[in-house]
Amino acid sequence: MAHILVAEDERDIRELINYTLMFAGHQVTQAANGAEALELAPKVKPDLIMMDVRMPRMTGYEACRQMKQIPELKDVPVVFLSAKGQDEEVQTGLEVGATAYILKPFAPDELTRRVAEILAQNQIR
């Protein structure tokens, strides 16, 4: 299946996402913040990047903005995970290059379904 980079500063949520995606057959690389995700992404070459918006050291927005400037990452779909679902937040995510925005809290089966949809839309297996 797909290799997914997950950047989430809350360990419990990161572990839940990791377990959910691994159970669905994906390979997962974890990052604790946006700066770590930005450092890891060119090395692990993920098929999909999932990031929280509000993280220490670097927000998901800033990490996404910088990733989209890296040639080997510019076409990798980025999905934001956030409890902040206001139109303004979603719009900012899309403006910096995100493919989708998933609101927290989410059910594991909902996350699996959305990830499968996003991978299919981007023709990633």
Protein backbone atom coordinates (compact mmCIF):
# COMPACT_ATOMS: atom_id res chain seq x y z
CA MET A 1 0.00 0.00 0.00
CA ALA A 2 1.04 3.64 0.38
CA HIS A 3 3.85 5.12 2.44
CA ILE A 4 2.35 7.89 4.60
CA LEU A 5 4.22 10.51 6.61
CA VAL A 6 2.20 11.57 9.67
CA ALA A 7 3.12 14.77 11.53
CA GLU A 8 1.20 15.23 14.78
CA ASP A 9 2.51 16.73 18.00
CA GLU A 10 0.11 14.89 20.33
CA ARG A 11 1.62 11.44 20.82
CA ASP A 12 -1.68 9.65 21.56
CA ILE A 13 -3.29 10.98 18.39
CA ARG A 14 -0.15 10.22 16.36
CA GLU A 15 -0.17 6.64 17.65
CA LEU A 16 -3.88 6.23 16.88
CA ILE A 17 -3.32 7.46 13.31
CA ASN A 18 -0.27 5.22 12.96
CA TYR A 19 -2.15 2.14 14.19
CA THR A 20 -5.20 2.90 12.01
CA LEU A 21 -3.13 3.37 8.84
CA MET A 22 -0.89 0.36 9.52
CA PHE A 23 -3.97 -1.81 10.15
CA ALA A 24 -5.23 -0.67 6.72
CA GLY A 25 -1.97 -1.93 5.21
CA HIS A 26 0.00 1.30 4.84
CA GLN A 27 3.60 1.99 5.82
CA VAL A 28 3.81 4.93 8.23
CA THR A 29 6.64 7.28 9.17
CA GLN A 30 5.94 9.50 12.17
CA ALA A 31 7.04 13.07 12.91
CA ALA A 32 6.34 15.03 16.09
CA ASN A 33 6.15 18.48 14.45
CA GLY A 34 6.27 20.35 11.15
CA ALA A 35 10.03 20.89 11.20
CA GLU A 36 10.65 17.16 11.68
CA ALA A 37 8.19 16.36 8.87
CA LEU A 38 9.97 18.80 6.55
CA GLU A 39 13.30 17.14 7.38
CA LEU A 40 12.00 13.56 6.97
CA ALA A 41 9.86 13.98 3.84
CA PRO A 42 12.67 14.21 1.24
CA LYS A 43 14.39 11.21 2.86
CA VAL A 44 11.40 8.85 3.11
CA LYS A 45 9.67 9.99 -0.12
CA PRO A 46 6.09 9.44 1.11
CA ASP A 47 3.11 8.89 -1.17
CA LEU A 48 0.94 11.01 1.14
CA ILE A 49 1.64 13.47 3.96
CA MET A 50 -0.82 13.99 6.81
CA MET A 51 -0.18 16.89 9.19
CA ASP A 52 -1.76 18.59 12.13
CA VAL A 53 -2.10 22.33 11.62
CA ARG A 54 -1.01 23.61 15.04
CA MET A 55 2.34 22.13 16.05
CA PRO A 56 5.42 23.42 17.88
CA ARG A 57 8.60 24.45 15.99
CA MET A 58 6.71 24.80 12.68
CA THR A 59 3.01 24.79 11.83
CA GLY A 60 1.59 22.35 9.33
CA TYR A 61 0.84 25.31 7.05
CA GLU A 62 4.46 26.44 7.00
CA ALA A 63 5.78 22.89 6.56
CA CYS A 64 3.40 22.35 3.63
CA ARG A 65 4.36 25.68 2.06
CA GLN A 66 8.05 24.73 2.23
CA MET A 67 7.48 21.15 1.03
CA LYS A 68 5.71 22.43 -2.08
CA GLN A 69 8.96 24.28 -2.98
CA ILE A 70 10.95 21.01 -3.02
CA PRO A 71 10.81 19.44 -6.50
CA GLU A 72 10.49 15.81 -5.32
CA LEU A 73 7.72 16.74 -2.86
CA LYS A 74 5.69 19.30 -4.81
CA ASP A 75 3.27 16.68 -6.19
CA VAL A 76 2.88 14.67 -2.97
CA PRO A 77 -0.66 15.18 -1.64
CA VAL A 78 -0.84 16.84 1.78
CA VAL A 79 -3.83 16.35 4.07
CA PHE A 80 -4.34 18.53 7.12
CA LEU A 81 -5.80 17.07 10.31
CA SER A 82 -7.25 19.69 12.61
CA ALA A 83 -9.88 20.41 15.20
CA LYS A 84 -10.15 23.88 13.66
CA GLY A 85 -12.71 23.57 10.89
CA GLN A 86 -13.60 27.18 10.22
CA ASP A 87 -13.75 28.16 6.55
CA GLU A 88 -10.77 30.46 7.01
CA GLU A 89 -8.61 27.60 8.37
CA VAL A 90 -9.60 25.26 5.54
CA GLN A 91 -8.99 28.00 2.96
CA THR A 92 -5.51 28.68 4.36
CA GLY A 93 -4.72 24.96 4.14
CA LEU A 94 -5.79 24.80 0.51
CA GLU A 95 -3.85 27.98 -0.31
CA VAL A 96 -0.57 26.51 0.96
CA GLY A 97 -1.08 23.40 -1.16
CA ALA A 98 -3.16 20.88 0.77
CA THR A 99 -5.28 18.35 -1.08
CA ALA A 100 -7.78 17.81 1.73
CA TYR A 101 -8.70 18.78 5.29
CA ILE A 102 -9.89 16.16 7.80
CA LEU A 103 -11.51 17.38 11.00
CA LYS A 104 -10.65 15.94 14.41
CA PRO A 105 -12.01 14.02 16.12
CA PHE A 106 -12.46 11.35 13.48
CA ALA A 107 -13.38 7.69 13.68
CA PRO A 108 -10.62 5.30 12.57
CA ASP A 109 -12.82 3.82 9.82
CA GLU A 110 -13.59 7.35 8.55
CA LEU A 111 -9.85 8.14 8.43
CA THR A 112 -9.17 4.91 6.52
CA ARG A 113 -11.96 5.67 4.04
CA ARG A 114 -10.81 9.25 3.43
CA VAL A 115 -7.18 8.18 2.97
CA ALA A 116 -8.27 5.53 0.43
CA GLU A 117 -10.29 8.17 -1.47
CA ILE A 118 -7.39 10.64 -1.52
CA LEU A 119 -4.93 7.97 -2.66
CA ALA A 120 -7.32 6.88 -5.42
CA GLN A 121 -7.87 10.48 -6.56
CA ASN A 122 -4.10 10.88 -6.82
CA GLN A 123 -3.69 7.46 -8.46
CA ILE A 124 -1.53 6.11 -5.62
CA ARG A 125 -1.81 2.49 -4.56
